[in-house]
Amino acid sequence: MCVAYVVVTIATIAANAAIAVADLAGARFVLANSAEVGLPRSWIPPLGWLKAAGAAGLTLGLLGLRPLGIAAAAGLVLFFLGAVIAHIRARVFHNIAFPGAYLALAIGSFTLAVTQ
């Protein structure tokens, strides 16, 4: 197993687990950012569970269930691509680096998982 794959995937797991907890706890910054891009408040918990599922899938991928890890990484790429698009559509650029960073981590995890 490649060291880069492990490091990037663990970083992706940690980032997604942390933001999933923030989503599920209804953190103020999550509510404010979601409102800025026009995301209904009722969508936040289900989206938090999707992020948690992505982190869990990546974890299982590291533990040997490679196809599940690849699928989780692909799902997170699509998820955060949607988040970046939502920021662009709403013209909310001051904090677009956050979904962009999550997208970059997901792309890195996906690319490294596929090439293993």
N, C-alpha and C. Protein backbone atom coordinates (compact mmCIF):
# COMPACT_ATOMS: atom_id res chain seq x y z
N MET A 1 0.85 -1.18 0.00
CA MET A 1 0.00 0.00 0.00
C MET A 1 0.89 1.24 0.00
N CYS A 2 0.64 2.15 -0.89
CA CYS A 2 1.41 3.38 -1.06
C CYS A 2 1.20 4.33 0.13
N VAL A 3 2.28 4.91 0.60
CA VAL A 3 2.21 5.84 1.72
C VAL A 3 1.34 7.05 1.37
N ALA A 4 1.46 7.56 0.15
CA ALA A 4 0.66 8.72 -0.26
C ALA A 4 -0.83 8.39 -0.20
N TYR A 5 -1.18 7.20 -0.65
CA TYR A 5 -2.58 6.77 -0.61
C TYR A 5 -3.11 6.77 0.82
N VAL A 6 -2.33 6.20 1.73
CA VAL A 6 -2.75 6.12 3.13
C VAL A 6 -2.87 7.52 3.73
N VAL A 7 -1.88 8.36 3.52
CA VAL A 7 -1.87 9.71 4.12
C VAL A 7 -3.02 10.55 3.58
N VAL A 8 -3.19 10.58 2.26
CA VAL A 8 -4.26 11.40 1.67
C VAL A 8 -5.63 10.87 2.07
N THR A 9 -5.78 9.56 2.09
CA THR A 9 -7.07 8.99 2.45
C THR A 9 -7.40 9.23 3.92
N ILE A 10 -6.43 9.11 4.79
CA ILE A 10 -6.68 9.41 6.21
C ILE A 10 -7.04 10.88 6.39
N ALA A 11 -6.38 11.77 5.67
CA ALA A 11 -6.73 13.20 5.73
C ALA A 11 -8.16 13.42 5.24
N THR A 12 -8.54 12.73 4.18
CA THR A 12 -9.90 12.86 3.64
C THR A 12 -10.92 12.32 4.63
N ILE A 13 -10.61 11.19 5.25
CA ILE A 13 -11.50 10.62 6.27
C ILE A 13 -11.69 11.60 7.43
N ALA A 14 -10.59 12.13 7.93
CA ALA A 14 -10.65 13.05 9.07
C ALA A 14 -11.45 14.31 8.74
N ALA A 15 -11.19 14.88 7.57
CA ALA A 15 -11.88 16.10 7.17
C ALA A 15 -13.38 15.86 7.02
N ASN A 16 -13.74 14.76 6.37
CA ASN A 16 -15.16 14.48 6.17
C ASN A 16 -15.86 14.08 7.46
N ALA A 17 -15.19 13.34 8.32
CA ALA A 17 -15.79 12.99 9.61
C ALA A 17 -16.04 14.25 10.43
N ALA A 18 -15.08 15.17 10.43
CA ALA A 18 -15.22 16.40 11.20
C ALA A 18 -16.37 17.26 10.68
N ILE A 19 -16.45 17.43 9.38
CA ILE A 19 -17.52 18.28 8.84
C ILE A 19 -18.87 17.58 8.97
N ALA A 20 -18.90 16.25 8.92
CA ALA A 20 -20.16 15.53 9.13
C ALA A 20 -20.67 15.78 10.55
N VAL A 21 -19.77 15.74 11.53
CA VAL A 21 -20.16 16.03 12.91
C VAL A 21 -20.70 17.45 13.02
N ALA A 22 -20.02 18.39 12.39
CA ALA A 22 -20.48 19.79 12.41
C ALA A 22 -21.85 19.92 11.76
N ASP A 23 -22.06 19.24 10.64
CA ASP A 23 -23.37 19.26 9.98
C ASP A 23 -24.45 18.70 10.90
N LEU A 24 -24.18 17.56 11.47
CA LEU A 24 -25.18 16.89 12.30
C LEU A 24 -25.45 17.62 13.61
N ALA A 25 -24.46 18.37 14.08
CA ALA A 25 -24.63 19.15 15.30
C ALA A 25 -25.28 20.51 15.03
N GLY A 26 -25.42 20.86 13.76
CA GLY A 26 -26.01 22.16 13.40
C GLY A 26 -25.12 23.32 13.77
N ALA A 27 -23.82 23.18 13.53
CA ALA A 27 -22.86 24.25 13.85
C ALA A 27 -23.24 25.54 13.13
N ARG A 28 -23.04 26.65 13.81
CA ARG A 28 -23.43 27.95 13.25
C ARG A 28 -22.79 28.23 11.89
N PHE A 29 -21.50 27.92 11.75
CA PHE A 29 -20.84 28.20 10.48
C PHE A 29 -21.43 27.36 9.36
N VAL A 30 -21.86 26.15 9.66
CA VAL A 30 -22.50 25.30 8.65
C VAL A 30 -23.82 25.92 8.23
N LEU A 31 -24.62 26.34 9.20
CA LEU A 31 -25.92 26.95 8.90
C LEU A 31 -25.75 28.24 8.10
N ALA A 32 -24.75 29.05 8.46
CA ALA A 32 -24.52 30.31 7.75
C ALA A 32 -24.07 30.06 6.32
N ASN A 33 -23.12 29.15 6.13
CA ASN A 33 -22.63 28.86 4.78
C ASN A 33 -23.72 28.26 3.91
N SER A 34 -24.50 27.37 4.48
CA SER A 34 -25.58 26.74 3.73
C SER A 34 -26.62 27.77 3.30
N ALA A 35 -26.95 28.68 4.18
CA ALA A 35 -27.92 29.73 3.86
C ALA A 35 -27.41 30.62 2.73
N GLU A 36 -26.12 30.92 2.75
CA GLU A 36 -25.54 31.77 1.72
C GLU A 36 -25.68 31.18 0.32
N VAL A 37 -25.55 29.87 0.21
CA VAL A 37 -25.65 29.25 -1.12
C VAL A 37 -27.06 28.79 -1.44
N GLY A 38 -28.00 29.06 -0.54
CA GLY A 38 -29.40 28.73 -0.80
C GLY A 38 -29.80 27.30 -0.51
N LEU A 39 -29.03 26.62 0.32
CA LEU A 39 -29.33 25.24 0.68
C LEU A 39 -30.36 25.23 1.80
N PRO A 40 -31.48 24.53 1.59
CA PRO A 40 -32.48 24.46 2.66
C PRO A 40 -31.90 23.82 3.92
N ARG A 41 -32.25 24.37 5.06
CA ARG A 41 -31.72 23.87 6.34
C ARG A 41 -32.04 22.39 6.54
N SER A 42 -33.17 21.95 6.03
CA SER A 42 -33.59 20.56 6.21
C SER A 42 -32.67 19.57 5.47
N TRP A 43 -31.88 20.06 4.53
CA TRP A 43 -30.97 19.19 3.78
C TRP A 43 -29.66 18.92 4.53
N ILE A 44 -29.36 19.74 5.51
CA ILE A 44 -28.05 19.64 6.15
C ILE A 44 -27.82 18.29 6.84
N PRO A 45 -28.74 17.80 7.67
CA PRO A 45 -28.47 16.49 8.29
C PRO A 45 -28.30 15.35 7.28
N PRO A 46 -29.15 15.22 6.25
CA PRO A 46 -28.90 14.13 5.29
C PRO A 46 -27.56 14.28 4.57
N LEU A 47 -27.17 15.50 4.26
CA LEU A 47 -25.87 15.70 3.61
C LEU A 47 -24.73 15.37 4.57
N GLY A 48 -24.93 15.66 5.84
CA GLY A 48 -23.93 15.28 6.85
C GLY A 48 -23.78 13.77 6.92
N TRP A 49 -24.89 13.05 6.84
CA TRP A 49 -24.82 11.59 6.85
C TRP A 49 -24.12 11.06 5.60
N LEU A 50 -24.29 11.73 4.46
CA LEU A 50 -23.58 11.32 3.25
C LEU A 50 -22.06 11.49 3.42
N LYS A 51 -21.66 12.59 4.03
CA LYS A 51 -20.23 12.80 4.29
C LYS A 51 -19.71 11.75 5.26
N ALA A 52 -20.49 11.43 6.28
CA ALA A 52 -20.08 10.39 7.24
C ALA A 52 -19.97 9.04 6.54
N ALA A 53 -20.91 8.75 5.65
CA ALA A 53 -20.87 7.48 4.90
C ALA A 53 -19.63 7.44 4.00
N GLY A 54 -19.29 8.57 3.41
CA GLY A 54 -18.08 8.63 2.59
C GLY A 54 -16.84 8.35 3.42
N ALA A 55 -16.77 8.95 4.60
CA ALA A 55 -15.62 8.71 5.49
C ALA A 55 -15.56 7.25 5.91
N ALA A 56 -16.71 6.66 6.22
CA ALA A 56 -16.75 5.25 6.61
C ALA A 56 -16.33 4.35 5.45
N GLY A 57 -16.80 4.67 4.25
CA GLY A 57 -16.42 3.87 3.08
C GLY A 57 -14.93 3.95 2.78
N LEU A 58 -14.36 5.14 2.94
CA LEU A 58 -12.91 5.28 2.75
C LEU A 58 -12.15 4.47 3.79
N THR A 59 -12.65 4.47 5.02
CA THR A 59 -12.01 3.70 6.09
C THR A 59 -12.03 2.21 5.75
N LEU A 60 -13.18 1.72 5.31
CA LEU A 60 -13.28 0.31 4.94
C LEU A 60 -12.40 -0.01 3.74
N GLY A 61 -12.26 0.95 2.82
CA GLY A 61 -11.36 0.76 1.69
C GLY A 61 -9.92 0.59 2.14
N LEU A 62 -9.51 1.39 3.13
CA LEU A 62 -8.15 1.25 3.67
C LEU A 62 -7.96 -0.09 4.38
N LEU A 63 -9.05 -0.61 4.93
CA LEU A 63 -8.97 -1.86 5.68
C LEU A 63 -9.08 -3.10 4.80
N GLY A 64 -9.18 -2.89 3.49
CA GLY A 64 -9.15 -4.03 2.58
C GLY A 64 -10.32 -4.16 1.63
N LEU A 65 -11.39 -3.43 1.86
CA LEU A 65 -12.53 -3.48 0.94
C LEU A 65 -12.35 -2.42 -0.14
N ARG A 66 -11.37 -2.65 -1.00
CA ARG A 66 -10.93 -1.68 -2.00
C ARG A 66 -12.06 -1.14 -2.88
N PRO A 67 -12.96 -2.00 -3.43
CA PRO A 67 -14.03 -1.46 -4.26
C PRO A 67 -14.93 -0.47 -3.51
N LEU A 68 -15.18 -0.75 -2.24
CA LEU A 68 -16.00 0.16 -1.44
C LEU A 68 -15.27 1.50 -1.22
N GLY A 69 -13.97 1.44 -1.00
CA GLY A 69 -13.19 2.66 -0.84
C GLY A 69 -13.19 3.50 -2.11
N ILE A 70 -13.07 2.84 -3.25
CA ILE A 70 -13.11 3.56 -4.53
C ILE A 70 -14.48 4.19 -4.74
N ALA A 71 -15.53 3.44 -4.44
CA ALA A 71 -16.89 3.97 -4.59
C ALA A 71 -17.13 5.16 -3.66
N ALA A 72 -16.64 5.05 -2.42
CA ALA A 72 -16.80 6.16 -1.47
C ALA A 72 -16.06 7.40 -1.95
N ALA A 73 -14.85 7.21 -2.44
CA ALA A 73 -14.07 8.34 -2.96
C ALA A 73 -14.77 8.98 -4.15
N ALA A 74 -15.30 8.16 -5.05
CA ALA A 74 -16.03 8.69 -6.21
C ALA A 74 -17.26 9.47 -5.76
N GLY A 75 -17.96 8.93 -4.78
CA GLY A 75 -19.14 9.63 -4.26
C GLY A 75 -18.78 10.98 -3.66
N LEU A 76 -17.67 11.03 -2.92
CA LEU A 76 -17.25 12.30 -2.33
C LEU A 76 -16.80 13.29 -3.40
N VAL A 77 -16.17 12.80 -4.47
CA VAL A 77 -15.81 13.70 -5.58
C VAL A 77 -17.07 14.34 -6.14
N LEU A 78 -18.09 13.54 -6.41
CA LEU A 78 -19.34 14.07 -6.96
C LEU A 78 -20.02 15.01 -5.97
N PHE A 79 -20.02 14.64 -4.70
CA PHE A 79 -20.64 15.46 -3.66
C PHE A 79 -20.01 16.85 -3.63
N PHE A 80 -18.69 16.90 -3.54
CA PHE A 80 -18.02 18.19 -3.40
C PHE A 80 -17.94 18.95 -4.72
N LEU A 81 -18.02 18.26 -5.84
CA LEU A 81 -18.17 18.96 -7.11
C LEU A 81 -19.50 19.71 -7.10
N GLY A 82 -20.53 19.07 -6.59
CA GLY A 82 -21.83 19.73 -6.45
C GLY A 82 -21.75 20.92 -5.51
N ALA A 83 -20.99 20.80 -4.43
CA ALA A 83 -20.85 21.91 -3.48
C ALA A 83 -20.14 23.10 -4.13
N VAL A 84 -19.10 22.83 -4.90
CA VAL A 84 -18.40 23.91 -5.60
C VAL A 84 -19.33 24.57 -6.61
N ILE A 85 -20.08 23.77 -7.34
CA ILE A 85 -21.03 24.31 -8.31
C ILE A 85 -22.08 25.17 -7.61
N ALA A 86 -22.57 24.72 -6.45
CA ALA A 86 -23.55 25.50 -5.70
C ALA A 86 -22.97 26.86 -5.29
N HIS A 87 -21.71 26.88 -4.90
CA HIS A 87 -21.07 28.15 -4.54
C HIS A 87 -20.95 29.07 -5.76
N ILE A 88 -20.59 28.49 -6.89
CA ILE A 88 -20.45 29.30 -8.11
C ILE A 88 -21.81 29.85 -8.54
N ARG A 89 -22.82 28.99 -8.55
CA ARG A 89 -24.16 29.43 -8.97
C ARG A 89 -24.69 30.55 -8.07
N ALA A 90 -24.40 30.46 -6.76
CA ALA A 90 -24.86 31.48 -5.82
C ALA A 90 -23.92 32.68 -5.76
N ARG A 91 -22.82 32.60 -6.51
CA ARG A 91 -21.81 33.66 -6.51
C ARG A 91 -21.24 33.92 -5.11
N VAL A 92 -21.03 32.84 -4.38
CA VAL A 92 -20.43 32.91 -3.05
C VAL A 92 -19.00 32.40 -3.19
N PHE A 93 -18.11 33.35 -3.39
CA PHE A 93 -16.72 33.00 -3.67
C PHE A 93 -15.79 33.18 -2.46
N HIS A 94 -16.24 33.90 -1.45
CA HIS A 94 -15.35 34.20 -0.32
C HIS A 94 -14.98 32.95 0.48
N ASN A 95 -15.77 31.89 0.39
CA ASN A 95 -15.43 30.68 1.13
C ASN A 95 -15.44 29.43 0.25
N ILE A 96 -15.28 29.62 -1.05
CA ILE A 96 -15.28 28.49 -1.98
C ILE A 96 -14.06 27.59 -1.79
N ALA A 97 -13.05 28.10 -1.11
CA ALA A 97 -11.86 27.28 -0.86
C ALA A 97 -12.18 26.06 0.00
N PHE A 98 -13.18 26.17 0.86
CA PHE A 98 -13.51 25.03 1.73
C PHE A 98 -14.05 23.85 0.94
N PRO A 99 -15.12 24.02 0.15
CA PRO A 99 -15.54 22.85 -0.64
C PRO A 99 -14.49 22.47 -1.67
N GLY A 100 -13.70 23.45 -2.13
CA GLY A 100 -12.62 23.14 -3.07
C GLY A 100 -11.56 22.25 -2.44
N ALA A 101 -11.24 22.50 -1.17
CA ALA A 101 -10.24 21.67 -0.48
C ALA A 101 -10.78 20.26 -0.26
N TYR A 102 -12.04 20.16 0.12
CA TYR A 102 -12.65 18.83 0.28
C TYR A 102 -12.68 18.09 -1.06
N LEU A 103 -12.98 18.82 -2.12
CA LEU A 103 -12.97 18.22 -3.46
C LEU A 103 -11.58 17.73 -3.83
N ALA A 104 -10.57 18.52 -3.55
CA ALA A 104 -9.19 18.13 -3.86
C ALA A 104 -8.79 16.87 -3.08
N LEU A 105 -9.17 16.81 -1.81
CA LEU A 105 -8.88 15.61 -1.02
C LEU A 105 -9.59 14.38 -1.60
N ALA A 106 -10.85 14.56 -1.97
CA ALA A 106 -11.61 13.43 -2.53
C ALA A 106 -11.01 12.98 -3.86
N ILE A 107 -10.61 13.92 -4.70
CA ILE A 107 -9.98 13.57 -5.98
C ILE A 107 -8.67 12.83 -5.72
N GLY A 108 -7.89 13.32 -4.76
CA GLY A 108 -6.64 12.65 -4.42
C GLY A 108 -6.88 11.23 -3.93
N SER A 109 -7.85 11.06 -3.05
CA SER A 109 -8.17 9.72 -2.54
C SER A 109 -8.64 8.80 -3.64
N PHE A 110 -9.48 9.32 -4.51
CA PHE A 110 -9.99 8.51 -5.63
C PHE A 110 -8.86 8.10 -6.56
N THR A 111 -8.07 9.06 -6.96
CA THR A 111 -6.97 8.79 -7.90
C THR A 111 -5.99 7.78 -7.33
N LEU A 112 -5.61 7.97 -6.09
CA LEU A 112 -4.66 7.05 -5.46
C LEU A 112 -5.26 5.68 -5.22
N ALA A 113 -6.55 5.61 -4.91
CA ALA A 113 -7.21 4.31 -4.70
C ALA A 113 -7.29 3.54 -6.00
N VAL A 114 -7.61 4.21 -7.08
CA VAL A 114 -7.74 3.55 -8.38
C VAL A 114 -6.40 3.04 -8.87
N THR A 115 -5.34 3.76 -8.57
CA THR A 115 -4.02 3.37 -9.07
C THR A 115 -3.29 2.36 -8.19
N GLN A 116 -3.89 1.94 -7.10
CA GLN A 116 -3.27 0.95 -6.19
C GLN A 116 -3.33 -0.42 -6.80
